[in-house]
Amino acid sequence: MSAATPAQHPSTSWHPSVEEQLFGDLDPEAVLRQCGRTFYAASRVLPRQVREDLSVLYAFCRVVDDCADTADTDRAQADALLNEIEAGLDGRSRRSPVVESFRRLAVNHAVPLDHARELIAGVRSDMGHVRFSTSSQLIQYAYRVASTVGLMMCRVLDVHPDGDAFAIDLGIGMQLTNIARDVAEDARNDRIYLPAEWVDHDVLLSAIRDGKRASAGELSVADAIERLLTLADNYYESAELGMHYLPPRVRGGIRSAAWNYRAIGSIIRRKPQAALARRASTRSAGKLMRTGAALWASVLESLPLGPADRHDRELHTPLLPLGVVPGRLQATQGRQR
């Protein structure tokens, strides 16, 4: 196993290195503030203890995810770091403060460590050459690297198990937005997530290289990105139906994160070709407006209005090969208070 040396001093750059995150004694909230601006903005409206717990979860998930980026330059080092994380989860190593903090969080909130292991498996699949043939493979990947995080959040937030299906959908929607935002950057790193059944991968690489609209049969790269965003919207809309399962004290913050993330897709949709040249982002003023609207919508949702919503089982059909059966998929009658 490659040696991984604890950093003596945190980096002053925008993004701490994966070694600093794993072995340095970094403040989880500082990691959230530095590395997850959209989520950090949403977290400011959460109760203090909830924000601290979710920061620990974010810091753990962040360091796992960043191992995939390490693999771009040193696959052996990335494997060693993930092995160290797995050893920490199993109690075979106590070298990492962030893993130790996550283990305490998991004990306190009954978070299944299998979700964390599934996340690691998803990240391992990101290390190296990535090509998806079908949309089902895309959805399965999004579940592994994002929905598992949502399921862990559900336990931290003490969400009723009936809400798990909707949490899975929010994770998938957000990950699909990530993919749409990072099409060019990922492709340059030899990772193409747009399925080959939507667009020829050679055409995608050519479009990124030339910066032009290139077509493959009836589908161009822009069409494939539009299809990806439409698929993401299906999962966002389902997630919105399940927001009432969240405790009222956190509902506005989670909804705010969802709305701000979905807004990134709206920006890409207006100029999909721009996604091949640069990363789309939302403006601060827009984030504030959506956050306010999300908070107000959550206040109204606390009132006894509207029927219970059923989860669309078809959204999880691609996950059946993974053995995913997220509790009771049909919401109970009446909204939780």
Protein backbone atom coordinates (compact mmCIF):
# COMPACT_ATOMS: atom_id res chain seq x y z
CA MET A 1 0.00 0.00 0.00
CA SER A 2 1.30 3.44 -0.90
CA ALA A 3 2.27 5.60 2.04
CA ALA A 4 -0.17 8.37 2.87
CA THR A 5 1.39 10.98 5.14
CA PRO A 6 -0.71 13.26 7.33
CA ALA A 7 -0.47 16.89 6.30
CA GLN A 8 1.05 19.15 8.92
CA HIS A 9 -0.76 22.29 7.85
CA PRO A 10 -4.09 22.65 6.03
CA SER A 11 -3.87 24.06 2.54
CA THR A 12 -4.76 27.71 2.10
CA SER A 13 -6.07 26.99 -1.41
CA TRP A 14 -9.76 26.70 -2.21
CA HIS A 15 -9.83 22.89 -2.05
CA PRO A 16 -7.80 20.92 0.54
CA SER A 17 -5.95 17.91 -0.83
CA VAL A 18 -7.42 14.48 -0.25
CA GLU A 19 -4.55 13.66 2.15
CA GLU A 20 -5.29 16.80 4.17
CA GLN A 21 -8.96 15.90 4.31
CA LEU A 22 -8.29 12.31 5.33
CA PHE A 23 -5.43 12.69 7.78
CA GLY A 24 -5.49 16.36 8.79
CA ASP A 25 -7.59 17.55 11.70
CA LEU A 26 -9.81 19.81 9.57
CA ASP A 27 -13.03 21.36 10.83
CA PRO A 28 -15.89 19.59 8.98
CA GLU A 29 -17.81 22.85 8.62
CA ALA A 30 -14.72 24.46 7.06
CA VAL A 31 -14.58 21.62 4.53
CA LEU A 32 -18.25 22.18 3.71
CA ARG A 33 -17.68 25.91 3.36
CA GLN A 34 -14.63 25.45 1.11
CA CYS A 35 -15.79 22.55 -1.03
CA GLY A 36 -19.59 22.66 -1.14
CA ARG A 37 -20.77 26.22 -1.67
CA THR A 38 -24.33 25.35 -2.67
CA PHE A 39 -24.78 22.98 0.24
CA TYR A 40 -23.09 25.35 2.66
CA ALA A 41 -25.47 28.15 1.68
CA ALA A 42 -28.43 25.85 2.30
CA SER A 43 -26.98 24.63 5.62
CA ARG A 44 -27.01 28.12 7.11
CA VAL A 45 -30.75 27.85 7.72
CA LEU A 46 -30.43 24.53 9.56
CA PRO A 47 -30.30 24.17 13.37
CA ARG A 48 -26.77 24.23 14.73
CA GLN A 49 -26.54 20.56 15.79
CA VAL A 50 -28.04 19.37 12.53
CA ARG A 51 -25.57 21.51 10.59
CA GLU A 52 -22.66 20.04 12.54
CA ASP A 53 -23.83 16.47 11.96
CA LEU A 54 -24.39 17.03 8.25
CA SER A 55 -20.97 18.70 7.99
CA VAL A 56 -19.37 15.52 9.36
CA LEU A 57 -21.29 13.47 6.80
CA TYR A 58 -20.33 15.87 4.00
CA ALA A 59 -16.64 15.84 4.99
CA PHE A 60 -16.60 12.04 4.89
CA CYS A 61 -18.36 11.85 1.53
CA ARG A 62 -16.15 14.62 0.13
CA VAL A 63 -12.91 12.82 0.91
CA VAL A 64 -14.25 9.56 -0.56
CA ASP A 65 -15.28 11.37 -3.74
CA ASP A 66 -11.97 13.21 -4.07
CA CYS A 67 -10.11 9.90 -4.17
CA ALA A 68 -11.42 9.45 -7.72
CA ASP A 69 -9.66 12.67 -8.73
CA THR A 70 -6.44 11.43 -7.14
CA ALA A 71 -6.67 8.39 -9.41
CA ASP A 72 -6.24 10.67 -12.43
CA THR A 73 -2.58 11.11 -11.52
CA ASP A 74 -1.83 8.19 -9.19
CA ARG A 75 -4.16 5.17 -9.25
CA ALA A 76 -2.12 3.28 -6.66
CA GLN A 77 -2.33 6.21 -4.24
CA ALA A 78 -6.10 6.50 -4.76
CA ASP A 79 -6.53 2.78 -4.05
CA ALA A 80 -4.41 3.13 -0.91
CA LEU A 81 -6.52 6.04 0.34
CA LEU A 82 -9.79 4.18 -0.25
CA ASN A 83 -8.35 1.10 1.44
CA GLU A 84 -7.50 3.28 4.43
CA ILE A 85 -11.07 4.62 4.54
CA GLU A 86 -12.49 1.09 4.37
CA ALA A 87 -10.13 -0.01 7.13
CA GLY A 88 -11.38 2.89 9.23
CA LEU A 89 -15.01 1.92 8.63
CA ASP A 90 -14.22 -1.66 9.68
CA GLY A 91 -12.40 -0.50 12.81
CA ARG A 92 -9.05 -1.82 11.54
CA SER A 93 -7.50 1.64 11.48
CA ARG A 94 -7.96 4.83 13.47
CA ARG A 95 -5.57 7.08 11.53
CA SER A 96 -8.23 9.31 9.97
CA PRO A 97 -10.06 11.89 12.10
CA VAL A 98 -12.76 12.35 9.46
CA VAL A 99 -13.51 8.62 9.30
CA GLU A 100 -13.53 8.39 13.09
CA SER A 101 -15.98 11.30 13.26
CA PHE A 102 -18.19 9.61 10.69
CA ARG A 103 -18.15 6.32 12.61
CA ARG A 104 -19.32 8.14 15.76
CA LEU A 105 -22.04 9.83 13.72
CA ALA A 106 -23.11 6.46 12.30
CA VAL A 107 -23.39 4.95 15.78
CA ASN A 108 -25.35 7.91 17.15
CA HIS A 109 -27.85 7.92 14.27
CA ALA A 110 -27.91 4.24 13.25
CA VAL A 111 -26.48 5.00 9.81
CA PRO A 112 -25.86 1.71 7.96
CA LEU A 113 -22.18 1.50 7.06
CA ASP A 114 -23.18 -0.48 3.98
CA HIS A 115 -24.32 2.82 2.44
CA ALA A 116 -20.80 4.18 2.94
CA ARG A 117 -19.29 1.05 1.42
CA GLU A 118 -21.61 1.34 -1.58
CA LEU A 119 -20.48 4.94 -2.00
CA ILE A 120 -16.87 3.77 -2.02
CA ALA A 121 -17.73 1.12 -4.62
CA GLY A 122 -19.25 3.82 -6.81
CA VAL A 123 -16.16 5.97 -6.49
CA ARG A 124 -13.92 3.03 -7.36
CA SER A 125 -15.92 2.63 -10.57
CA ASP A 126 -14.95 6.24 -11.38
CA MET A 127 -11.23 5.55 -11.25
CA GLY A 128 -9.95 5.31 -14.77
CA HIS A 129 -11.70 4.84 -18.11
CA VAL A 130 -15.49 5.33 -17.74
CA ARG A 131 -18.04 4.68 -20.49
CA PHE A 132 -21.74 3.96 -20.01
CA SER A 133 -23.74 2.17 -22.65
CA THR A 134 -27.25 2.59 -21.23
CA SER A 135 -29.27 5.00 -19.14
CA SER A 136 -29.80 2.20 -16.60
CA GLN A 137 -26.06 2.09 -15.96
CA LEU A 138 -26.12 5.85 -15.53
CA ILE A 139 -28.92 5.65 -12.93
CA GLN A 140 -27.15 2.86 -11.06
CA TYR A 141 -23.98 4.93 -10.89
CA ALA A 142 -25.92 7.97 -9.64
CA TYR A 143 -27.48 5.84 -6.91
CA ARG A 144 -24.11 4.59 -5.74
CA VAL A 145 -22.35 7.93 -5.56
CA ALA A 146 -25.25 10.22 -4.56
CA SER A 147 -28.39 8.42 -3.36
CA THR A 148 -26.36 6.55 -0.75
CA VAL A 149 -25.48 9.96 0.67
CA GLY A 150 -29.17 10.89 0.75
CA LEU A 151 -30.01 7.69 2.58
CA MET A 152 -27.33 8.41 5.17
CA MET A 153 -28.71 11.93 5.56
CA CYS A 154 -32.15 10.44 6.20
CA ARG A 155 -30.83 8.56 9.21
CA VAL A 156 -29.01 11.63 10.53
CA LEU A 157 -32.21 13.67 10.16
CA ASP A 158 -34.40 10.90 11.61
CA VAL A 159 -36.58 10.75 8.50
CA HIS A 160 -39.40 8.18 8.39
CA PRO A 161 -38.38 5.16 6.24
CA ASP A 162 -41.21 5.94 3.81
CA GLY A 163 -39.17 8.97 2.78
CA ASP A 164 -36.16 6.91 1.65
CA ALA A 165 -37.47 6.37 -1.89
CA PHE A 166 -37.75 10.12 -2.41
CA ALA A 167 -34.27 10.69 -0.94
CA ILE A 168 -32.90 8.25 -3.50
CA ASP A 169 -34.54 10.32 -6.23
CA LEU A 170 -33.09 13.59 -4.97
CA GLY A 171 -29.61 12.06 -4.99
CA ILE A 172 -30.05 10.82 -8.55
CA GLY A 173 -31.37 14.18 -9.72
CA MET A 174 -28.45 16.05 -8.19
CA GLN A 175 -25.87 13.65 -9.62
CA LEU A 176 -27.35 13.92 -13.10
CA THR A 177 -27.05 17.70 -12.76
CA ASN A 178 -23.40 17.26 -11.79
CA ILE A 179 -22.84 15.18 -14.89
CA ALA A 180 -24.52 17.75 -17.15
CA ARG A 181 -22.44 20.53 -15.59
CA ASP A 182 -19.13 18.67 -15.93
CA VAL A 183 -19.51 16.95 -19.33
CA ALA A 184 -16.41 18.57 -20.82
CA GLU A 185 -14.19 18.31 -17.74
CA ASP A 186 -15.10 14.66 -17.17
CA ALA A 187 -14.53 13.74 -20.81
CA ARG A 188 -11.06 15.30 -20.71
CA ASN A 189 -10.40 13.02 -17.72
CA ASP A 190 -11.52 9.99 -19.76
CA ARG A 191 -14.92 9.76 -18.06
CA ILE A 192 -18.02 9.86 -20.24
CA TYR A 193 -21.30 9.39 -18.41
CA LEU A 194 -23.70 10.27 -21.23
CA PRO A 195 -24.87 6.83 -22.41
CA ALA A 196 -23.77 5.58 -25.82
CA GLU A 197 -27.43 4.88 -26.58
CA TRP A 198 -27.95 8.66 -26.50
CA VAL A 199 -24.85 9.93 -28.26
CA ASP A 200 -21.77 8.48 -29.90
CA HIS A 201 -18.84 8.95 -27.53
CA ASP A 202 -16.44 9.79 -30.34
CA VAL A 203 -18.84 12.52 -31.42
CA LEU A 204 -18.88 13.90 -27.88
CA LEU A 205 -15.08 14.01 -27.71
CA SER A 206 -14.97 15.72 -31.10
CA ALA A 207 -17.53 18.31 -29.99
CA ILE A 208 -15.53 19.12 -26.87
CA ARG A 209 -12.32 19.38 -28.85
CA ASP A 210 -13.81 21.53 -31.63
CA GLY A 211 -16.40 23.45 -29.59
CA LYS A 212 -18.99 22.88 -32.30
CA ARG A 213 -22.38 21.22 -32.46
CA ALA A 214 -21.70 17.73 -33.80
CA SER A 215 -24.46 15.26 -34.65
CA ALA A 216 -24.58 11.50 -34.41
CA GLY A 217 -27.61 10.26 -36.28
CA GLU A 218 -30.56 12.20 -34.92
CA LEU A 219 -28.96 13.00 -31.59
CA SER A 220 -26.34 15.68 -31.09
CA VAL A 221 -24.35 16.26 -27.95
CA ALA A 222 -26.67 19.12 -27.04
CA ASP A 223 -29.66 16.81 -27.48
CA ALA A 224 -28.06 14.25 -25.18
CA ILE A 225 -27.46 16.90 -22.51
CA GLU A 226 -31.09 17.99 -22.84
CA ARG A 227 -32.18 14.38 -22.41
CA LEU A 228 -30.00 14.09 -19.32
CA LEU A 229 -31.56 17.21 -17.80
CA THR A 230 -35.07 15.98 -18.57
CA LEU A 231 -34.27 12.72 -16.81
CA ALA A 232 -32.92 14.69 -13.85
CA ASP A 233 -36.15 16.71 -13.72
CA ASN A 234 -38.17 13.50 -13.39
CA TYR A 235 -36.22 12.62 -10.26
CA TYR A 236 -36.33 16.16 -8.86
CA GLU A 237 -40.11 16.23 -9.26
CA SER A 238 -40.43 12.95 -7.41
CA ALA A 239 -38.12 14.20 -4.65
CA GLU A 240 -40.27 17.31 -4.26
CA LEU A 241 -43.30 15.09 -3.58
CA GLY A 242 -41.46 13.53 -0.64
CA MET A 243 -40.19 16.71 1.02
CA HIS A 244 -42.97 16.49 3.61
CA TYR A 245 -41.20 13.47 5.13
CA LEU A 246 -38.37 15.74 6.25
CA PRO A 247 -38.59 17.24 9.75
CA PRO A 248 -39.95 20.82 9.51
CA ARG A 249 -36.76 22.26 11.03
CA VAL A 250 -34.63 21.05 8.09
CA ARG A 251 -37.14 20.92 5.24
CA GLY A 252 -36.45 24.44 4.01
CA GLY A 253 -32.69 23.91 3.92
CA ILE A 254 -32.87 20.63 1.99
CA ARG A 255 -35.44 22.03 -0.42
CA SER A 256 -33.22 25.08 -0.92
CA ALA A 257 -30.28 22.85 -1.89
CA ALA A 258 -32.50 20.90 -4.30
CA TRP A 259 -33.92 24.02 -5.96
CA ASN A 260 -30.51 25.68 -6.30
CA TYR A 261 -29.02 22.53 -7.80
CA ARG A 262 -31.89 22.11 -10.22
CA ALA A 263 -31.37 25.73 -11.28
CA ILE A 264 -27.94 24.78 -12.59
CA GLY A 265 -29.71 22.49 -15.03
CA SER A 266 -31.94 25.35 -16.14
CA ILE A 267 -28.86 27.43 -16.95
CA ILE A 268 -27.33 24.59 -18.95
CA ARG A 269 -30.60 24.00 -20.78
CA ARG A 270 -30.63 27.59 -22.08
CA LYS A 271 -27.16 27.16 -23.62
CA PRO A 272 -26.27 23.45 -23.67
CA GLN A 273 -23.27 24.00 -25.94
CA ALA A 274 -21.75 26.25 -23.28
CA ALA A 275 -21.50 23.19 -21.02
CA LEU A 276 -18.85 21.88 -23.40
CA ALA A 277 -16.66 24.93 -22.77
CA ARG A 278 -17.14 25.87 -19.13
CA ARG A 279 -18.85 24.84 -15.91
CA ALA A 280 -22.28 26.37 -15.33
CA SER A 281 -23.02 28.04 -11.99
CA THR A 282 -25.78 30.08 -10.41
CA ARG A 283 -25.52 33.67 -9.21
CA SER A 284 -25.58 34.54 -5.52
CA ALA A 285 -28.68 36.70 -5.87
CA GLY A 286 -30.54 33.85 -7.51
CA LYS A 287 -29.47 31.47 -4.76
CA LEU A 288 -30.80 33.83 -2.12
CA MET A 289 -34.13 34.20 -3.92
CA ARG A 290 -34.55 30.44 -4.33
CA THR A 291 -33.54 29.85 -0.72
CA GLY A 292 -36.19 32.31 0.45
CA ALA A 293 -38.81 30.75 -1.79
CA ALA A 294 -37.89 27.27 -0.59
CA LEU A 295 -38.22 28.33 3.04
CA TRP A 296 -41.61 29.89 2.40
CA ALA A 297 -42.83 26.83 0.49
CA SER A 298 -41.73 24.65 3.41
CA VAL A 299 -43.66 26.82 5.87
CA LEU A 300 -46.80 26.45 3.76
CA GLU A 301 -46.23 22.70 3.50
CA SER A 302 -46.34 22.48 7.28
CA LEU A 303 -50.02 23.43 7.06
CA PRO A 304 -52.64 20.67 6.67
CA LEU A 305 -52.87 21.05 2.88
CA GLY A 306 -52.89 18.49 0.07
CA PRO A 307 -53.10 14.70 -0.16
CA ALA A 308 -50.33 12.20 0.45
CA ASP A 309 -48.20 11.36 -2.57
CA ARG A 310 -47.29 7.98 -3.98
CA HIS A 311 -43.80 7.18 -5.16
CA ASP A 312 -43.44 6.16 -8.80
CA ARG A 313 -41.86 2.71 -8.65
CA GLU A 314 -40.81 2.93 -12.29
CA LEU A 315 -38.13 5.44 -11.32
CA HIS A 316 -36.31 2.69 -9.46
CA THR A 317 -36.61 -0.05 -12.09
CA PRO A 318 -32.94 0.51 -13.15
CA LEU A 319 -31.89 -0.11 -9.53
CA LEU A 320 -33.42 -3.58 -9.25
CA PRO A 321 -30.19 -5.31 -10.41
CA LEU A 322 -28.48 -3.70 -7.40
CA GLY A 323 -31.01 -5.29 -5.06
CA VAL A 324 -32.29 -1.89 -3.99
CA VAL A 325 -35.64 -2.17 -2.23
CA PRO A 326 -35.95 1.17 -0.38
CA GLY A 327 -38.39 0.22 2.36
CA ARG A 328 -42.03 0.93 1.69
CA LEU A 329 -42.20 2.82 -1.58
CA GLN A 330 -45.78 3.96 -1.10
CA ALA A 331 -46.25 6.88 1.23
CA THR A 332 -48.50 6.41 4.22
CA GLN A 333 -51.82 8.16 4.25
CA GLY A 334 -51.65 11.72 5.50
CA ARG A 335 -48.66 14.01 5.82
CA GLN A 336 -46.26 13.74 8.71
CA ARG A 337 -46.30 16.52 11.26
